[in-house]
Amino acid sequence: MGKDAEEYPRGMSADEGVEISDSFFRFLILGIIMVFVGIAIIIIAAVLTAGGSTGFSGVIFIGPFPIVFGAGPNASWLILIGIILAAVTVVLFIVMNRRVKTSE
């Protein structure tokens, strides 16, 4: 038995597997980091502001169509930010999709 038989499961070799592009992996790591930074900011803001009003908003994508919702005294600002982020996301999706098609 060679070295390949010890490191890989039966029937697989070092050449097999799923290839992931560098840009996809960078965006994945960036997204995970942004989630943790956002959670940290929310926790810090909750600790520093003992009283006050709260509000929330969200964006749900169903296909290419964003559904934006919110509640609270600052909901209009949060909804506006959600709409802007949704538009940026759609534009980035279109740009990245065109780049992939042109590189094939």
C-alpha atoms as a PDB file:
ATOM      1  CA  MET A   1       0.000   0.000   0.000  1.00  0.00           C
ATOM      2  CA  GLY A   2       1.286   3.416  -0.958  1.00  0.00           C
ATOM      3  CA  LYS A   3       1.004   6.734   0.772  1.00  0.00           C
ATOM      4  CA  ASP A   4      -2.248   7.586  -1.055  1.00  0.00           C
ATOM      5  CA  ALA A   5      -4.013   4.566   0.388  1.00  0.00           C
ATOM      6  CA  GLU A   6      -3.253   5.684   3.944  1.00  0.00           C
ATOM      7  CA  GLU A   7      -4.328   9.335   3.619  1.00  0.00           C
ATOM      8  CA  TYR A   8      -7.506   9.094   1.539  1.00  0.00           C
ATOM      9  CA  PRO A   9     -10.606   6.907   1.838  1.00  0.00           C
ATOM     10  CA  ARG A  10     -10.900   3.878  -0.416  1.00  0.00           C
ATOM     11  CA  GLY A  11     -11.649   4.823  -4.008  1.00  0.00           C
ATOM     12  CA  MET A  12     -10.464   8.426  -3.675  1.00  0.00           C
ATOM     13  CA  SER A  13      -7.206  10.042  -4.661  1.00  0.00           C
ATOM     14  CA  ALA A  14      -5.569  13.400  -4.050  1.00  0.00           C
ATOM     15  CA  ASP A  15      -6.924  14.709  -7.383  1.00  0.00           C
ATOM     16  CA  GLU A  16     -10.603  14.244  -6.492  1.00  0.00           C
ATOM     17  CA  GLY A  17     -12.758  16.668  -4.554  1.00  0.00           C
ATOM     18  CA  VAL A  18     -14.717  19.857  -4.911  1.00  0.00           C
ATOM     19  CA  GLU A  19     -12.843  22.906  -6.099  1.00  0.00           C
ATOM     20  CA  ILE A  20     -13.732  26.204  -4.425  1.00  0.00           C
ATOM     21  CA  SER A  21     -12.682  29.480  -5.983  1.00  0.00           C
ATOM     22  CA  ASP A  22     -10.598  31.882  -3.931  1.00  0.00           C
ATOM     23  CA  SER A  23     -13.138  34.704  -4.229  1.00  0.00           C
ATOM     24  CA  PHE A  24     -15.967  32.468  -2.978  1.00  0.00           C
ATOM     25  CA  PHE A  25     -13.912  31.428   0.028  1.00  0.00           C
ATOM     26  CA  ARG A  26     -12.954  35.042   0.780  1.00  0.00           C
ATOM     27  CA  PHE A  27     -16.592  36.157   0.642  1.00  0.00           C
ATOM     28  CA  LEU A  28     -17.583  33.251   2.885  1.00  0.00           C
ATOM     29  CA  ILE A  29     -14.988  34.168   5.507  1.00  0.00           C
ATOM     30  CA  LEU A  30     -15.886  37.868   5.191  1.00  0.00           C
ATOM     31  CA  GLY A  31     -19.562  37.057   5.771  1.00  0.00           C
ATOM     32  CA  ILE A  32     -18.816  34.990   8.860  1.00  0.00           C
ATOM     33  CA  ILE A  33     -16.602  37.762  10.266  1.00  0.00           C
ATOM     34  CA  MET A  34     -19.312  40.364   9.574  1.00  0.00           C
ATOM     35  CA  VAL A  35     -21.889  38.288  11.470  1.00  0.00           C
ATOM     36  CA  PHE A  36     -19.660  38.074  14.542  1.00  0.00           C
ATOM     37  CA  VAL A  37     -18.780  41.790  14.377  1.00  0.00           C
ATOM     38  CA  GLY A  38     -22.479  42.654  14.117  1.00  0.00           C
ATOM     39  CA  ILE A  39     -23.319  40.502  17.126  1.00  0.00           C
ATOM     40  CA  ALA A  40     -20.514  42.154  19.113  1.00  0.00           C
ATOM     41  CA  ILE A  41     -21.758  45.642  18.169  1.00  0.00           C
ATOM     42  CA  ILE A  42     -25.301  44.771  19.248  1.00  0.00           C
ATOM     43  CA  ILE A  43     -24.097  43.412  22.589  1.00  0.00           C
ATOM     44  CA  ILE A  44     -21.900  46.473  23.231  1.00  0.00           C
ATOM     45  CA  ALA A  45     -24.735  48.852  22.307  1.00  0.00           C
ATOM     46  CA  ALA A  46     -27.156  47.009  24.604  1.00  0.00           C
ATOM     47  CA  VAL A  47     -24.722  47.246  27.520  1.00  0.00           C
ATOM     48  CA  LEU A  48     -23.898  50.936  26.998  1.00  0.00           C
ATOM     49  CA  THR A  49     -27.498  52.109  26.537  1.00  0.00           C
ATOM     50  CA  ALA A  50     -29.456  50.943  29.564  1.00  0.00           C
ATOM     51  CA  GLY A  51     -32.728  52.627  28.581  1.00  0.00           C
ATOM     52  CA  GLY A  52     -34.169  53.765  25.331  1.00  0.00           C
ATOM     53  CA  SER A  53     -36.311  52.642  22.493  1.00  0.00           C
ATOM     54  CA  THR A  54     -35.704  49.586  20.365  1.00  0.00           C
ATOM     55  CA  GLY A  55     -36.625  48.725  16.840  1.00  0.00           C
ATOM     56  CA  PHE A  56     -35.896  46.045  14.306  1.00  0.00           C
ATOM     57  CA  SER A  57     -36.068  45.392  10.621  1.00  0.00           C
ATOM     58  CA  GLY A  58     -35.194  42.591   8.279  1.00  0.00           C
ATOM     59  CA  VAL A  59     -34.823  41.607   4.667  1.00  0.00           C
ATOM     60  CA  ILE A  60     -35.951  38.256   3.288  1.00  0.00           C
ATOM     61  CA  PHE A  61     -34.993  37.279  -0.252  1.00  0.00           C
ATOM     62  CA  ILE A  62     -37.405  35.071  -2.170  1.00  0.00           C
ATOM     63  CA  GLY A  63     -35.568  34.572  -5.416  1.00  0.00           C
ATOM     64  CA  PRO A  64     -34.474  37.990  -6.643  1.00  0.00           C
ATOM     65  CA  PHE A  65     -37.281  39.805  -4.780  1.00  0.00           C
ATOM     66  CA  PRO A  66     -36.498  41.345  -1.371  1.00  0.00           C
ATOM     67  CA  ILE A  67     -39.216  41.618   1.275  1.00  0.00           C
ATOM     68  CA  VAL A  68     -38.329  44.357   3.768  1.00  0.00           C
ATOM     69  CA  PHE A  69     -40.101  44.744   7.124  1.00  0.00           C
ATOM     70  CA  GLY A  70     -39.603  46.545  10.415  1.00  0.00           C
ATOM     71  CA  ALA A  71     -41.207  47.814  13.624  1.00  0.00           C
ATOM     72  CA  GLY A  72     -40.404  50.382  16.270  1.00  0.00           C
ATOM     73  CA  PRO A  73     -39.763  54.119  16.410  1.00  0.00           C
ATOM     74  CA  ASN A  74     -36.694  53.971  14.145  1.00  0.00           C
ATOM     75  CA  ALA A  75     -38.133  51.421  11.736  1.00  0.00           C
ATOM     76  CA  SER A  76     -38.200  53.817   8.782  1.00  0.00           C
ATOM     77  CA  TRP A  77     -34.415  54.282   8.948  1.00  0.00           C
ATOM     78  CA  LEU A  78     -33.846  50.585   9.416  1.00  0.00           C
ATOM     79  CA  ILE A  79     -36.114  49.744   6.485  1.00  0.00           C
ATOM     80  CA  LEU A  80     -34.269  52.288   4.311  1.00  0.00           C
ATOM     81  CA  ILE A  81     -30.934  50.696   5.230  1.00  0.00           C
ATOM     82  CA  GLY A  82     -32.428  47.253   4.479  1.00  0.00           C
ATOM     83  CA  ILE A  83     -33.609  48.386   1.050  1.00  0.00           C
ATOM     84  CA  ILE A  84     -30.172  49.827   0.256  1.00  0.00           C
ATOM     85  CA  LEU A  85     -28.436  46.623   1.362  1.00  0.00           C
ATOM     86  CA  ALA A  86     -30.886  44.543  -0.673  1.00  0.00           C
ATOM     87  CA  ALA A  87     -30.200  46.645  -3.783  1.00  0.00           C
ATOM     88  CA  VAL A  88     -26.436  46.352  -3.289  1.00  0.00           C
ATOM     89  CA  THR A  89     -26.795  42.592  -2.873  1.00  0.00           C
ATOM     90  CA  VAL A  90     -28.783  42.239  -6.102  1.00  0.00           C
ATOM     91  CA  VAL A  91     -26.244  44.363  -8.010  1.00  0.00           C
ATOM     92  CA  LEU A  92     -23.325  42.331  -6.634  1.00  0.00           C
ATOM     93  CA  PHE A  93     -25.103  39.115  -7.589  1.00  0.00           C
ATOM     94  CA  ILE A  94     -25.597  40.315 -11.168  1.00  0.00           C
ATOM     95  CA  VAL A  95     -21.979  41.513 -11.476  1.00  0.00           C
ATOM     96  CA  MET A  96     -20.524  38.304 -10.031  1.00  0.00           C
ATOM     97  CA  ASN A  97     -22.815  36.186 -12.224  1.00  0.00           C
ATOM     98  CA  ARG A  98     -21.634  38.011 -15.373  1.00  0.00           C
ATOM     99  CA  ARG A  99     -17.987  37.571 -14.370  1.00  0.00           C
ATOM    100  CA  VAL A 100     -18.460  33.847 -13.937  1.00  0.00           C
ATOM    101  CA  LYS A 101     -20.170  33.529 -17.332  1.00  0.00           C
ATOM    102  CA  THR A 102     -17.462  35.504 -19.129  1.00  0.00           C
ATOM    103  CA  SER A 103     -14.648  33.501 -17.559  1.00  0.00           C
ATOM    104  CA  GLU A 104     -16.064  30.150 -18.717  1.00  0.00           C
END
